[in-house]
Protein backbone atom coordinates (compact mmCIF):
# COMPACT_ATOMS: atom_id res chain seq x y z
CA UNK A 1 0.00 0.00 0.00
CA UNK A 2 1.08 3.58 -0.65
CA UNK A 3 0.10 7.07 0.37
CA UNK A 4 0.63 9.92 -2.06
CA UNK A 5 1.13 13.37 -0.61
CA UNK A 6 0.65 16.15 -3.21
CA UNK A 7 1.39 19.84 -2.60
CA UNK A 8 0.20 22.33 -5.21
CA UNK A 9 -0.79 25.97 -5.69
CA UNK A 10 -4.37 26.74 -4.65
CA UNK A 11 -4.79 28.45 -8.01
CA UNK A 12 -4.61 25.05 -9.75
CA UNK A 13 -7.09 23.31 -7.43
CA UNK A 14 -9.84 22.81 -10.01
CA UNK A 15 -7.46 21.18 -12.50
CA UNK A 16 -5.85 18.97 -9.84
CA UNK A 17 -9.16 17.65 -8.51
CA UNK A 18 -10.48 17.12 -12.07
CA UNK A 19 -7.33 15.13 -12.97
CA UNK A 20 -7.69 13.05 -9.81
CA UNK A 21 -11.31 12.26 -10.67
CA UNK A 22 -10.23 11.15 -14.17
CA UNK A 23 -8.00 8.50 -12.59
CA UNK A 24 -11.02 6.97 -10.86
CA UNK A 25 -9.73 7.85 -7.40
CA UNK A 26 -12.70 8.76 -5.21
CA UNK A 27 -11.23 9.04 -1.73
CA UNK A 28 -8.76 11.67 -0.61
CA UNK A 29 -8.15 14.21 2.12
CA UNK A 30 -7.55 17.84 1.16
CA UNK A 31 -5.98 20.44 3.41
CA UNK A 32 -6.32 24.04 2.26
CA UNK A 33 -4.20 27.09 3.03
CA UNK A 34 -0.86 25.39 3.47
CA UNK A 35 2.13 27.71 3.36
CA UNK A 36 5.71 26.96 2.48
CA UNK A 37 8.77 27.32 0.34
CA UNK A 38 10.08 25.01 -2.35
CA UNK A 39 12.93 25.09 -4.81
CA UNK A 40 11.04 25.53 -8.11
CA UNK A 41 8.85 28.57 -7.33
CA UNK A 42 8.59 31.57 -5.05
CA UNK A 43 7.44 30.98 -1.48
CA UNK A 44 3.69 30.87 -0.86
CA UNK A 45 3.35 32.36 2.61
CA UNK A 46 0.06 34.34 2.37
CA UNK A 47 1.84 37.65 3.06
CA UNK A 48 2.15 40.88 1.09
CA UNK A 49 5.73 40.00 0.26
CA UNK A 50 5.07 36.34 -0.57
CA UNK A 51 1.41 35.99 -1.57
CA UNK A 52 -0.26 32.71 -2.37
CA UNK A 53 -1.38 29.53 -0.70
CA UNK A 54 -0.98 25.83 -1.32
CA UNK A 55 -3.34 22.92 -0.95
CA UNK A 56 -2.30 19.44 0.13
CA UNK A 57 -3.88 16.13 -0.89
CA UNK A 58 -3.39 12.81 0.86
CA UNK A 59 -4.42 9.78 -1.20
CA UNK A 60 -4.21 6.28 0.31
CA UNK A 61 -3.95 3.51 -2.28
CA UNK A 62 -4.04 -0.27 -2.03
CA UNK A 63 -2.41 -0.84 -5.41
CA UNK A 64 0.97 0.30 -6.76
CA UNK A 65 -0.61 0.55 -10.23
CA UNK A 66 -3.07 3.14 -8.90
CA UNK A 67 -0.13 5.13 -7.54
CA UNK A 68 1.52 5.08 -10.97
CA UNK A 69 -1.67 6.41 -12.60
CA UNK A 70 -1.89 9.27 -10.09
CA UNK A 71 1.79 10.13 -10.58
CA UNK A 72 1.29 10.22 -14.36
CA UNK A 73 -1.48 12.77 -13.84
CA UNK A 74 0.80 14.83 -11.58
CA UNK A 75 3.52 14.82 -14.26
CA UNK A 76 1.01 16.05 -16.83
CA UNK A 77 -0.26 18.76 -14.47
CA UNK A 78 3.30 19.93 -13.75
CA UNK A 79 3.80 20.46 -17.49
CA UNK A 80 0.48 22.34 -17.79
CA UNK A 81 1.17 24.47 -14.69
CA UNK A 82 4.97 24.83 -14.45
CA UNK A 83 4.81 27.69 -11.90
CA UNK A 84 2.43 25.91 -9.51
CA UNK A 85 5.22 24.39 -7.44
CA UNK A 86 3.47 21.03 -7.57
CA UNK A 87 5.23 18.12 -5.88
CA UNK A 88 4.11 14.56 -5.22
CA UNK A 89 5.65 12.31 -2.60
CA UNK A 90 5.00 8.56 -2.40
CA UNK A 91 5.33 6.92 1.01
CA UNK A 92 4.77 3.37 2.21
CA UNK A 93 1.49 2.84 4.03
CA UNK A 94 1.59 0.07 6.60
CA UNK A 95 -2.09 -0.17 7.46
CA UNK A 96 -5.52 1.43 7.03
CA UNK A 97 -8.42 1.03 9.44
């Protein structure tokens, strides 16, 4: 099992959720108004100096093939939105209750 942790600009939320739905994934947890700094874009700290916010998705998957499909969508979205600062992290998931 895997958990995918995706961080992306709030401005791309509609496209990200639409892409996720296209994969057939129905269950996820979304956290809005996440702030931070990455290496590919300017910081998003919700200040006058560094405006912007991120959203975070957590997607728990039973199948490695499902994870590959989600990651393919993230790669496509990164090309469509190169300044969104989108990152996906795949972590092992030991159990779900």
